[in-house]
């Protein structure tokens, strides 16, 4: 096993990873907002409309806010990792092994 130390994280890659992780929850939030807005328009409820519209707009704003914070965290990490050391990751080489196919749950055939 080999140990690798991560001492630098580029802010742009931190931004992209944050978008990758937050896209599904924020998309769900937007779908809920769209549903609330449609239901509010059909039944004429202003309260639901007041809930639905922010649920549509907020995910767009949150992607940028989360991304900017992750870029800031990457910059702080880079400075502290140079001074105190970075994240140490243990890596193991894995050979390309073909998966074994078992018939009738008997590995000896």
Protein backbone atom coordinates (compact mmCIF):
# COMPACT_ATOMS: atom_id res chain seq x y z
CA UNK A 1 0.00 0.00 0.00
CA UNK A 2 1.16 3.47 -0.82
CA UNK A 3 0.36 6.68 1.02
CA UNK A 4 -0.29 9.87 -0.91
CA UNK A 5 -0.65 13.34 0.60
CA UNK A 6 -3.08 15.78 -1.00
CA UNK A 7 -1.57 19.23 -0.57
CA UNK A 8 -3.43 21.20 -3.23
CA UNK A 9 -7.06 21.30 -4.35
CA UNK A 10 -7.85 23.61 -7.24
CA UNK A 11 -10.83 25.87 -6.47
CA UNK A 12 -12.45 25.13 -9.84
CA UNK A 13 -12.41 21.37 -9.19
CA UNK A 14 -13.89 21.96 -5.72
CA UNK A 15 -16.66 24.01 -7.38
CA UNK A 16 -17.39 21.23 -9.88
CA UNK A 17 -17.51 18.53 -7.20
CA UNK A 18 -19.90 20.65 -5.14
CA UNK A 19 -22.20 20.98 -8.14
CA UNK A 20 -22.04 17.21 -8.73
CA UNK A 21 -23.03 16.47 -5.13
CA UNK A 22 -25.75 19.10 -4.85
CA UNK A 23 -27.46 18.75 -8.23
CA UNK A 24 -29.87 15.95 -7.23
CA UNK A 25 -31.15 17.49 -3.94
CA UNK A 26 -31.50 20.90 -5.55
CA UNK A 27 -33.29 19.43 -8.58
CA UNK A 28 -35.72 17.70 -6.19
CA UNK A 29 -36.27 21.01 -4.44
CA UNK A 30 -37.02 22.68 -7.77
CA UNK A 31 -39.49 19.94 -8.75
CA UNK A 32 -41.30 20.37 -5.43
CA UNK A 33 -41.47 24.12 -6.09
CA UNK A 34 -42.89 23.56 -9.56
CA UNK A 35 -45.52 21.16 -8.18
CA UNK A 36 -46.50 23.60 -5.42
CA UNK A 37 -46.78 26.41 -7.98
CA UNK A 38 -48.94 24.34 -10.32
CA UNK A 39 -51.21 23.20 -7.49
CA UNK A 40 -51.47 26.77 -6.18
CA UNK A 41 -52.41 28.06 -9.63
CA UNK A 42 -55.07 25.37 -10.08
CA UNK A 43 -56.77 25.75 -6.69
CA UNK A 44 -56.09 29.47 -6.32
CA UNK A 45 -54.15 29.35 -3.05
CA UNK A 46 -51.79 32.30 -2.63
CA UNK A 47 -50.03 30.70 0.33
CA UNK A 48 -48.88 27.71 -1.72
CA UNK A 49 -47.76 30.05 -4.48
CA UNK A 50 -45.68 31.97 -1.94
CA UNK A 51 -44.02 28.68 -0.96
CA UNK A 52 -43.58 27.32 -4.49
CA UNK A 53 -41.85 30.25 -6.17
CA UNK A 54 -38.90 30.44 -3.72
CA UNK A 55 -38.46 26.66 -4.10
CA UNK A 56 -37.97 27.23 -7.82
CA UNK A 57 -35.57 30.18 -7.51
CA UNK A 58 -33.57 29.12 -4.44
CA UNK A 59 -31.80 26.07 -5.98
CA UNK A 60 -30.26 28.28 -8.68
CA UNK A 61 -28.94 30.66 -6.06
CA UNK A 62 -27.77 27.86 -3.77
CA UNK A 63 -25.67 26.20 -6.47
CA UNK A 64 -23.63 29.40 -6.78
CA UNK A 65 -23.45 29.97 -3.01
CA UNK A 66 -22.34 26.38 -2.33
CA UNK A 67 -19.85 26.56 -5.19
CA UNK A 68 -18.31 29.81 -3.96
CA UNK A 69 -18.02 28.46 -0.42
CA UNK A 70 -16.33 25.30 -1.69
CA UNK A 71 -13.85 27.43 -3.64
CA UNK A 72 -13.12 29.44 -0.50
CA UNK A 73 -12.64 26.23 1.50
CA UNK A 74 -10.25 24.94 -1.19
CA UNK A 75 -8.16 28.12 -0.92
CA UNK A 76 -8.02 27.87 2.87
CA UNK A 77 -7.16 24.16 2.65
CA UNK A 78 -4.32 24.87 0.21
CA UNK A 79 -2.79 27.41 2.58
CA UNK A 80 -3.12 25.23 5.66
CA UNK A 81 -1.99 22.05 3.88
CA UNK A 82 1.29 23.69 2.87
CA UNK A 83 1.91 24.78 6.45
CA UNK A 84 0.62 21.80 8.47
CA UNK A 85 0.36 18.98 5.93
CA UNK A 86 -2.54 17.78 3.86
CA UNK A 87 -4.91 14.87 3.74
CA UNK A 88 -3.11 11.52 3.67
CA UNK A 89 -4.75 8.86 1.54
CA UNK A 90 -3.69 5.20 1.43
CA UNK A 91 -3.81 3.73 -2.07
CA UNK A 92 -3.58 0.06 -2.99
CA UNK A 93 -2.74 -1.29 -6.45
CA UNK A 94 -5.44 -3.57 -7.77
CA UNK A 95 -4.79 -5.92 -10.65
CA UNK A 96 -7.32 -6.26 -13.43
CA UNK A 97 -9.00 -9.47 -12.41
CA UNK A 98 -11.70 -11.03 -14.54
CA UNK A 99 -14.85 -11.71 -12.55
CA UNK A 100 -15.55 -15.36 -11.96
CA UNK A 101 -18.88 -16.65 -13.15
CA UNK A 102 -20.50 -19.20 -10.88
CA UNK A 103 -23.21 -21.51 -12.11
CA UNK A 104 -25.75 -22.94 -9.67
CA UNK A 105 -23.95 -21.16 -6.81
CA UNK A 106 -21.15 -23.72 -6.97
CA UNK A 107 -17.70 -22.09 -7.35
CA UNK A 108 -15.98 -25.45 -8.14
CA UNK A 109 -17.54 -26.09 -11.57
